[in-house]
Amino acid sequence: MIRTPWRRRGEPLDHAELARLLPAPGDPELSSDRLSGLEERLMSEIRNLTPEASPGAGTPMPGAITEAPFAGAREETRDLRPARRSRRRPVLAGAGAALVLVAAGVTALAGGFGGPGGPGSAATPPAGAVPAPVVQVARGSTEGLAGAVAGISGAAAGAELPEPRPGQFLYVRSEVSWMVTWDGSDGKNESYVEKLHPREVWMSPDGGTGWLVEPYKEATGRDGVTLDDPGPVRPSLDAPSYDYLQTLPTDPDLLLKKIYDETGGEGSDPDQQAFTTIGDLLREQVVPPKLAAGLYRAAARIPGVVLVDDSVDAVGRAGIAIARADEADGARTEWIFDRETYAYLGERTVQTRDAEGVRKGTVRGRTAVTDRAVVDAVKQRPAASASGDRPALPAPSIGT
């Protein structure tokens, strides 16, 4: 433990002397995705120390989930947010709060981090993890981007989505897999990912009540965990609710201005932060159609955004993608759409260059949204969801 040198009360600190004696500080800046993962993972772990019962959870509903066999302990590599902001984002007091908690040793509680912002590490490969897939990195280009975005935004604007009533919940089911890394005996990082597994999220329109079922994760338990906020939280770009999304402008220029203004100073690159924020607003949500269309058009105006002609979601559905590579670490996030109907399929993050021990072509994360609906209670599934025959909705939502 470093102790502060004794000094008389009221005696001013000799900052020059301290600067000479202490080592130069490192650069604490993290990428926005990585910081989001740290924040939300810490909040999830804190919640799990004092489990809460969700209102109405004790009364089975038609189609309600019964306990499934526990998938076994896994190294936590993904926070419990409605999954990449969803996953909903539990909110800390800002970026500094996450860094303070990490510095205070809360990382020991969390046991490793991962997800879209960056992999965690473990002394041995996590139980159940598999080698990360490696793919050919498809070329991205602005050629054809405008036409694709016009089709995607048009499909989103024309989507007929249910309007949640008071007391109802937004339901999103996804198949997800995110990266962990193994620090091998030779000192080299080897990339592993979670086995592809289901994730289900229920959120109230105001964002105050929710439930997460992800049996693969040890922290969620067999029946899931509450996502209820312990106190009133003011919805924002960092913690969007359905009700909050309804208050946003739908004009892409106004949307983009608001995003840049309110996320200024976050992350290392304002353009990447804007792209990430749009994905965060759309992830694991049933987004009002006109807003979804405006967000896609806004994303296309961010420098560095490209069209990728060939991408594949977590369950093997091929399509086109709106994408942007983070210049800091070379990880390219791809929002994948059906090339004929422009329905949203899922998301993939691919490493575009060797960096941080992750080699080019490694698939750092992949998702597939398989259902979105409005239901009457947490833990209640849509009627057709259990059999997997429910059709996918058009492109209002970005997956995990």
Protein backbone atom coordinates (compact mmCIF):
# COMPACT_ATOMS: atom_id res chain seq x y z
CA MET A 1 0.00 0.00 0.00
CA ILE A 2 1.35 3.46 -0.89
CA ARG A 3 0.96 5.83 2.03
CA THR A 4 0.69 9.59 1.71
CA PRO A 5 3.75 11.33 3.28
CA TRP A 6 2.96 13.05 6.55
CA ARG A 7 2.60 16.81 6.37
CA ARG A 8 1.32 19.54 8.64
CA ARG A 9 -2.36 20.48 8.37
CA GLY A 10 -2.74 23.29 5.90
CA GLU A 11 0.70 22.80 4.40
CA PRO A 12 0.40 22.93 0.60
CA LEU A 13 1.42 19.94 -1.49
CA ASP A 14 4.68 20.32 -3.37
CA HIS A 15 3.32 19.19 -6.74
CA ALA A 16 6.64 19.53 -8.51
CA GLU A 17 8.31 17.28 -5.96
CA LEU A 18 5.51 14.73 -6.19
CA ALA A 19 5.76 14.74 -9.98
CA ARG A 20 9.48 14.06 -9.70
CA LEU A 21 9.07 11.18 -7.22
CA LEU A 22 6.08 9.43 -8.77
CA PRO A 23 6.14 7.54 -12.08
CA ALA A 24 4.47 9.16 -15.04
CA PRO A 25 0.79 8.22 -15.25
CA GLY A 26 -0.32 5.89 -18.01
CA ASP A 27 -2.99 6.69 -20.53
CA PRO A 28 -6.29 5.57 -18.92
CA GLU A 29 -8.41 6.04 -22.03
CA LEU A 30 -10.37 2.99 -23.14
CA SER A 31 -12.43 2.49 -26.24
CA SER A 32 -16.10 3.29 -25.73
CA ASP A 33 -17.22 -0.29 -26.29
CA ARG A 34 -14.63 -1.57 -23.82
CA LEU A 35 -15.65 1.01 -21.25
CA SER A 36 -19.31 0.14 -21.72
CA GLY A 37 -18.50 -3.50 -21.13
CA LEU A 38 -16.61 -2.68 -17.93
CA GLU A 39 -19.36 -0.41 -16.62
CA GLU A 40 -22.21 -2.77 -17.30
CA ARG A 41 -20.38 -5.89 -16.22
CA LEU A 42 -19.57 -4.30 -12.87
CA MET A 43 -23.16 -3.22 -12.37
CA SER A 44 -24.37 -6.71 -13.23
CA GLU A 45 -22.03 -8.29 -10.69
CA ILE A 46 -23.09 -5.80 -8.03
CA ARG A 47 -26.75 -6.65 -8.68
CA ASN A 48 -26.00 -10.34 -8.32
CA LEU A 49 -24.69 -9.85 -4.78
CA THR A 50 -28.23 -8.98 -3.68
CA PRO A 51 -30.67 -10.87 -5.91
CA GLU A 52 -34.07 -9.30 -6.27
CA ALA A 53 -37.33 -10.87 -7.24
CA SER A 54 -39.03 -9.44 -10.26
CA PRO A 55 -42.62 -8.30 -9.79
CA GLY A 56 -44.98 -10.99 -10.88
CA ALA A 57 -42.22 -13.52 -11.35
CA GLY A 58 -43.80 -15.95 -8.91
CA THR A 59 -46.99 -16.30 -10.94
CA PRO A 60 -46.59 -18.46 -14.03
CA MET A 61 -48.03 -16.99 -17.21
CA PRO A 62 -49.08 -18.79 -20.35
CA GLY A 63 -45.90 -19.58 -22.21
CA ALA A 64 -43.80 -18.74 -19.18
CA ILE A 65 -40.29 -20.14 -18.95
CA THR A 66 -39.70 -23.09 -16.68
CA GLU A 67 -36.32 -23.94 -15.24
CA ALA A 68 -33.87 -25.37 -17.71
CA PRO A 69 -30.77 -27.41 -16.89
CA PHE A 70 -27.94 -25.12 -15.90
CA ALA A 71 -25.28 -24.99 -18.57
CA GLY A 72 -22.45 -25.01 -16.05
CA ALA A 73 -19.94 -22.46 -14.86
CA ARG A 74 -18.44 -20.28 -17.54
CA GLU A 75 -15.89 -17.53 -17.36
CA GLU A 76 -17.91 -14.34 -17.63
CA THR A 77 -16.90 -12.62 -20.83
CA ARG A 78 -19.97 -10.56 -21.47
CA ASP A 79 -21.91 -8.24 -19.21
CA LEU A 80 -25.55 -8.93 -18.47
CA ARG A 81 -26.89 -5.88 -20.24
CA PRO A 82 -29.41 -6.50 -22.96
CA ALA A 83 -26.66 -7.94 -25.03
CA ARG A 84 -23.30 -5.71 -27.00
CA ARG A 85 -26.11 -2.41 -24.80
CA SER A 86 -28.29 -4.21 -24.38
CA ARG A 87 -27.73 -5.08 -24.29
CA ARG A 88 -30.34 -2.19 -21.50
CA ARG A 89 -27.26 -0.40 -20.14
CA PRO A 90 -27.12 -0.21 -16.36
CA VAL A 91 -25.77 3.25 -15.63
CA LEU A 92 -22.79 4.28 -13.54
CA ALA A 93 -21.98 7.88 -12.86
CA GLY A 94 -19.92 7.96 -16.03
CA ALA A 95 -16.65 6.67 -17.36
CA GLY A 96 -14.74 7.73 -14.29
CA ALA A 97 -16.92 5.55 -12.08
CA ALA A 98 -15.96 2.42 -13.98
CA LEU A 99 -12.27 3.27 -13.76
CA VAL A 100 -12.53 4.02 -10.04
CA LEU A 101 -14.25 0.68 -9.40
CA VAL A 102 -11.63 -1.16 -11.39
CA ALA A 103 -8.86 0.61 -9.53
CA ALA A 104 -10.52 -0.30 -6.25
CA GLY A 105 -10.26 -3.99 -7.06
CA VAL A 106 -13.78 -4.74 -8.23
CA THR A 107 -12.27 -6.60 -11.17
CA ALA A 108 -11.54 -9.42 -8.76
CA LEU A 109 -15.28 -9.68 -8.18
CA ALA A 110 -16.06 -9.70 -11.88
CA GLY A 111 -13.47 -12.33 -12.75
CA GLY A 112 -12.54 -11.13 -16.24
CA PHE A 113 -14.09 -9.05 -18.95
CA GLY A 114 -14.96 -9.44 -22.58
CA GLY A 115 -17.55 -8.62 -25.20
CA PRO A 116 -17.40 -6.24 -28.08
CA GLY A 117 -14.95 -3.82 -26.54
CA GLY A 118 -12.22 -6.30 -25.80
CA PRO A 119 -11.56 -9.83 -24.59
CA GLY A 120 -10.92 -10.93 -21.06
CA SER A 121 -8.18 -13.32 -20.07
CA ALA A 122 -7.87 -16.51 -18.08
CA ALA A 123 -5.07 -18.77 -16.92
CA THR A 124 -6.68 -21.65 -18.80
CA PRO A 125 -9.28 -21.73 -21.55
CA PRO A 126 -12.72 -21.13 -20.00
CA ALA A 127 -14.88 -24.22 -19.63
CA GLY A 128 -17.12 -24.62 -22.65
CA ALA A 129 -15.30 -22.03 -24.76
CA VAL A 130 -14.31 -22.92 -28.29
CA PRO A 131 -11.64 -21.53 -30.63
CA ALA A 132 -12.78 -18.28 -32.23
CA PRO A 133 -13.76 -18.65 -35.89
CA VAL A 134 -11.52 -16.96 -38.41
CA VAL A 135 -12.93 -15.64 -41.68
CA GLN A 136 -11.74 -13.85 -44.78
CA VAL A 137 -12.15 -10.13 -44.13
CA ALA A 138 -14.56 -8.88 -46.78
CA ARG A 139 -13.83 -5.55 -48.38
CA GLY A 140 -15.94 -2.60 -47.26
CA SER A 141 -16.76 0.30 -49.57
CA THR A 142 -18.93 3.38 -49.76
CA GLU A 143 -19.99 2.23 -53.22
CA GLY A 144 -23.62 1.14 -52.99
CA LEU A 145 -23.94 2.35 -49.40
CA ALA A 146 -26.54 5.03 -50.15
CA GLY A 147 -28.80 2.62 -52.04
CA ALA A 148 -28.55 -0.06 -49.36
CA VAL A 149 -29.32 2.41 -46.58
CA ALA A 150 -32.31 3.70 -48.53
CA GLY A 151 -33.69 0.16 -48.71
CA ILE A 152 -32.93 -0.62 -45.07
CA SER A 153 -34.42 2.61 -43.76
CA GLY A 154 -37.46 2.19 -45.99
CA ALA A 155 -38.08 -1.30 -44.64
CA ALA A 156 -37.67 -0.04 -41.09
CA ALA A 157 -40.04 2.91 -41.60
CA GLY A 158 -42.72 0.63 -43.06
CA ALA A 159 -42.53 -1.98 -40.33
CA GLU A 160 -45.79 -2.64 -38.51
CA LEU A 161 -44.68 -3.02 -34.92
CA PRO A 162 -46.87 -3.47 -31.83
CA GLU A 163 -47.13 -0.48 -29.51
CA PRO A 164 -46.51 -1.57 -25.90
CA ARG A 165 -49.28 -0.65 -23.46
CA PRO A 166 -48.68 0.24 -19.79
CA GLY A 167 -47.74 -2.92 -17.91
CA GLN A 168 -46.47 -4.73 -21.01
CA PHE A 169 -42.88 -5.64 -21.84
CA LEU A 170 -40.62 -5.56 -24.88
CA TYR A 171 -39.19 -9.01 -25.56
CA VAL A 172 -36.05 -9.78 -27.59
CA ARG A 173 -34.52 -13.21 -28.11
CA SER A 174 -31.05 -13.62 -29.62
CA GLU A 175 -28.37 -16.22 -30.21
CA VAL A 176 -25.06 -14.76 -29.06
CA SER A 177 -21.36 -15.55 -28.70
CA TRP A 178 -18.58 -13.24 -27.51
CA MET A 179 -14.84 -13.51 -27.15
CA VAL A 180 -12.58 -14.47 -24.30
CA THR A 181 -8.83 -14.94 -24.58
CA TRP A 182 -6.50 -17.47 -23.10
CA ASP A 183 -3.02 -16.36 -22.09
CA GLY A 184 -1.17 -19.48 -23.19
CA SER A 185 1.95 -20.91 -21.57
CA ASP A 186 4.03 -19.45 -24.40
CA GLY A 187 2.83 -15.96 -23.46
CA LYS A 188 0.75 -15.56 -26.58
CA ASN A 189 -2.96 -14.76 -26.53
CA GLU A 190 -5.16 -17.35 -28.13
CA SER A 191 -8.67 -16.31 -29.06
CA TYR A 192 -11.63 -18.27 -27.74
CA VAL A 193 -15.35 -17.52 -27.86
CA GLU A 194 -18.33 -18.64 -25.90
CA LYS A 195 -20.41 -21.41 -27.39
CA LEU A 196 -23.35 -19.96 -29.27
CA HIS A 197 -26.22 -19.73 -26.81
CA PRO A 198 -29.66 -18.12 -26.41
CA ARG A 199 -30.30 -14.89 -24.56
CA GLU A 200 -33.74 -13.46 -23.73
CA VAL A 201 -34.48 -9.98 -22.43
CA TRP A 202 -37.70 -8.40 -21.19
CA MET A 203 -37.84 -4.63 -20.57
CA SER A 204 -40.67 -2.32 -19.58
CA PRO A 205 -41.23 0.67 -21.89
CA ASP A 206 -39.91 3.08 -19.25
CA GLY A 207 -36.77 0.99 -18.75
CA GLY A 208 -37.32 0.60 -15.00
CA THR A 209 -38.27 -3.08 -14.91
CA GLY A 210 -36.77 -6.03 -16.72
CA TRP A 211 -35.55 -9.60 -16.68
CA LEU A 212 -32.70 -11.48 -18.34
CA VAL A 213 -32.50 -15.22 -19.03
CA GLU A 214 -29.14 -16.47 -20.27
CA PRO A 215 -28.53 -19.93 -18.72
CA TYR A 216 -25.04 -20.15 -20.24
CA LYS A 217 -23.98 -17.44 -17.80
CA GLU A 218 -23.30 -18.54 -14.27
CA ALA A 219 -24.26 -15.15 -12.87
CA THR A 220 -27.83 -15.32 -14.24
CA GLY A 221 -28.66 -18.63 -12.60
CA ARG A 222 -31.20 -21.05 -13.97
CA ASP A 223 -34.19 -18.76 -13.95
CA GLY A 224 -32.50 -15.49 -14.87
CA VAL A 225 -31.86 -12.23 -13.04
CA THR A 226 -33.71 -8.99 -12.56
CA LEU A 227 -32.78 -5.94 -14.57
CA ASP A 228 -34.90 -3.70 -12.36
CA ASP A 229 -33.38 -0.34 -11.53
CA PRO A 230 -33.14 0.13 -7.74
CA GLY A 231 -34.08 3.79 -8.09
CA PRO A 232 -35.30 6.27 -10.66
CA VAL A 233 -32.93 6.55 -13.61
CA ARG A 234 -33.22 9.35 -16.10
CA PRO A 235 -33.22 7.73 -19.57
CA SER A 236 -30.58 9.05 -21.94
CA LEU A 237 -28.45 8.07 -24.91
CA ASP A 238 -26.42 5.98 -22.45
CA ALA A 239 -29.50 4.28 -20.97
CA PRO A 240 -32.25 4.29 -23.59
CA SER A 241 -35.76 3.05 -22.90
CA TYR A 242 -38.60 2.66 -25.39
CA ASP A 243 -40.30 5.73 -23.95
CA TYR A 244 -37.07 7.71 -24.29
CA LEU A 245 -36.60 6.62 -27.90
CA GLN A 246 -40.04 8.03 -28.71
CA THR A 247 -38.84 11.49 -27.67
CA LEU A 248 -35.89 11.59 -30.08
CA PRO A 249 -36.06 13.44 -33.40
CA THR A 250 -36.38 11.25 -36.48
CA ASP A 251 -34.53 13.60 -38.83
CA PRO A 252 -31.07 12.05 -39.41
CA ASP A 253 -29.23 15.40 -39.25
CA LEU A 254 -30.84 16.33 -35.94
CA LEU A 255 -30.20 12.85 -34.58
CA LEU A 256 -26.56 12.93 -35.54
CA LYS A 257 -26.06 16.39 -34.06
CA LYS A 258 -27.61 15.30 -30.77
CA ILE A 259 -25.44 12.19 -30.66
CA TYR A 260 -22.21 14.06 -31.37
CA ASP A 261 -23.11 16.83 -28.90
CA GLU A 262 -23.98 14.47 -26.06
CA THR A 263 -21.15 11.96 -26.56
CA GLY A 264 -18.41 14.51 -27.14
CA GLY A 265 -15.27 13.52 -25.26
CA GLU A 266 -16.29 9.88 -24.88
CA GLY A 267 -13.97 7.32 -26.41
CA SER A 268 -10.92 8.07 -28.48
CA ASP A 269 -12.75 8.82 -31.74
CA PRO A 270 -15.98 10.86 -31.92
CA ASP A 271 -17.01 9.19 -35.19
CA GLN A 272 -16.61 5.69 -33.77
CA GLN A 273 -18.43 6.78 -30.62
CA ALA A 274 -21.35 8.07 -32.71
CA PHE A 275 -21.57 4.77 -34.60
CA THR A 276 -21.39 2.81 -31.36
CA THR A 277 -24.07 4.98 -29.76
CA ILE A 278 -26.50 4.36 -32.61
CA GLY A 279 -25.95 0.62 -32.25
CA ASP A 280 -26.48 0.96 -28.51
CA LEU A 281 -29.77 2.80 -29.03
CA LEU A 282 -31.07 0.04 -31.28
CA ARG A 283 -29.72 -3.06 -29.58
CA GLU A 284 -32.28 -5.39 -27.96
CA GLN A 285 -35.09 -2.92 -28.47
CA VAL A 286 -38.32 -2.70 -30.40
CA VAL A 287 -37.61 0.71 -31.90
CA PRO A 288 -40.32 3.05 -33.22
CA PRO A 289 -40.21 2.59 -37.01
CA LYS A 290 -39.58 6.19 -38.07
CA LEU A 291 -36.81 6.57 -35.51
CA ALA A 292 -35.14 3.34 -36.68
CA ALA A 293 -35.18 4.65 -40.24
CA GLY A 294 -33.66 7.95 -39.12
CA LEU A 295 -30.93 6.20 -37.13
CA TYR A 296 -29.87 4.07 -40.11
CA ARG A 297 -29.68 7.16 -42.32
CA ALA A 298 -27.73 9.00 -39.64
CA ALA A 299 -25.25 6.13 -39.35
CA ALA A 300 -24.56 6.27 -43.09
CA ARG A 301 -23.41 9.89 -42.71
CA ILE A 302 -20.68 9.07 -40.19
CA PRO A 303 -17.20 9.15 -41.76
CA GLY A 304 -15.73 5.69 -42.15
CA VAL A 305 -19.05 3.83 -42.44
CA VAL A 306 -19.05 1.37 -45.34
CA LEU A 307 -21.15 -1.29 -47.01
CA VAL A 308 -19.92 -4.89 -46.74
CA ASP A 309 -21.42 -7.07 -49.45
CA ASP A 310 -20.97 -10.39 -47.66
CA SER A 311 -21.52 -11.00 -43.95
CA VAL A 312 -23.06 -13.83 -41.92
CA ASP A 313 -24.94 -13.69 -38.62
CA ALA A 314 -24.59 -16.09 -35.71
CA VAL A 315 -27.02 -18.69 -37.10
CA GLY A 316 -25.56 -18.67 -40.60
CA ARG A 317 -27.90 -16.26 -42.38
CA ALA A 318 -26.02 -14.34 -45.07
CA GLY A 319 -26.61 -10.72 -45.96
CA ILE A 320 -25.16 -7.28 -46.49
CA ALA A 321 -23.85 -5.10 -43.67
CA ILE A 322 -23.52 -1.49 -42.59
CA ALA A 323 -20.13 -1.46 -40.91
CA ARG A 324 -17.38 0.62 -39.37
CA ALA A 325 -13.92 -0.37 -38.15
CA ASP A 326 -12.58 1.08 -34.92
CA GLU A 327 -9.26 2.66 -35.84
CA ALA A 328 -7.98 2.08 -32.30
CA ASP A 329 -8.03 -1.73 -32.40
CA GLY A 330 -9.12 -2.70 -35.91
CA ALA A 331 -12.36 -4.37 -34.79
CA ARG A 332 -15.11 -3.85 -37.40
CA THR A 333 -18.72 -3.97 -36.27
CA GLU A 334 -21.16 -5.15 -38.95
CA TRP A 335 -24.94 -4.72 -38.74
CA ILE A 336 -26.28 -7.47 -41.00
CA PHE A 337 -29.45 -7.29 -43.13
CA ASP A 338 -31.19 -9.64 -45.53
CA ARG A 339 -30.13 -8.54 -49.00
CA GLU A 340 -33.65 -8.96 -50.44
CA THR A 341 -36.05 -7.84 -47.69
CA TYR A 342 -33.59 -5.65 -45.72
CA ALA A 343 -34.80 -7.30 -42.53
CA TYR A 344 -32.29 -7.03 -39.70
CA LEU A 345 -30.56 -10.36 -39.03
CA GLY A 346 -27.83 -9.81 -36.47
CA GLU A 347 -24.42 -8.37 -35.78
CA ARG A 348 -20.82 -9.49 -36.20
CA THR A 349 -17.50 -8.04 -35.06
CA VAL A 350 -14.47 -9.03 -37.15
CA GLN A 351 -10.83 -8.16 -36.55
CA THR A 352 -9.55 -6.37 -39.65
CA ARG A 353 -5.85 -6.43 -38.68
CA ASP A 354 -3.58 -8.13 -36.18
CA ALA A 355 -3.90 -6.23 -32.91
CA GLU A 356 -3.80 -6.85 -29.16
CA GLY A 357 -2.97 -10.51 -29.67
CA VAL A 358 -6.03 -11.05 -31.90
CA ARG A 359 -5.20 -11.98 -35.47
CA LYS A 360 -6.83 -10.63 -38.59
CA GLY A 361 -10.10 -12.32 -39.53
CA THR A 362 -10.98 -13.43 -36.00
CA VAL A 363 -14.70 -13.16 -35.29
CA ARG A 364 -14.75 -11.45 -31.92
CA GLY A 365 -18.51 -11.56 -31.53
CA ARG A 366 -21.64 -12.62 -33.40
CA THR A 367 -25.37 -12.43 -32.77
CA ALA A 368 -28.64 -13.29 -34.45
CA VAL A 369 -31.95 -11.77 -33.38
CA THR A 370 -34.55 -14.52 -33.64
CA ASP A 371 -37.59 -12.86 -32.10
CA ARG A 372 -38.93 -9.46 -31.06
CA ALA A 373 -42.38 -8.92 -29.61
CA VAL A 374 -44.53 -7.24 -26.95
CA VAL A 375 -45.71 -9.51 -24.12
CA ASP A 376 -47.79 -9.08 -20.99
CA ALA A 377 -45.26 -10.07 -18.32
CA VAL A 378 -41.59 -10.75 -17.69
CA LYS A 379 -40.59 -14.36 -18.42
CA GLN A 380 -43.55 -14.72 -20.79
CA ARG A 381 -42.62 -15.76 -24.32
CA PRO A 382 -44.54 -15.00 -27.50
CA ALA A 383 -46.75 -17.94 -28.45
CA ALA A 384 -44.69 -19.07 -31.44
CA SER A 385 -41.27 -18.32 -29.95
CA ALA A 386 -40.76 -21.66 -28.23
CA SER A 387 -41.16 -23.60 -31.46
CA GLY A 388 -38.93 -21.18 -33.36
CA ASP A 389 -41.49 -20.59 -36.14
CA ARG A 390 -42.14 -16.93 -35.42
CA PRO A 391 -41.12 -14.79 -38.44
CA ALA A 392 -38.42 -12.17 -38.00
CA LEU A 393 -39.61 -8.57 -37.97
CA PRO A 394 -38.17 -6.08 -40.45
CA ALA A 395 -35.11 -4.10 -39.49
CA PRO A 396 -36.01 -1.96 -36.49
CA SER A 397 -33.51 -3.40 -34.06
CA ILE A 398 -29.78 -3.90 -33.81
CA GLY A 399 -28.81 -7.16 -32.17
CA THR A 400 -26.47 -7.79 -29.38
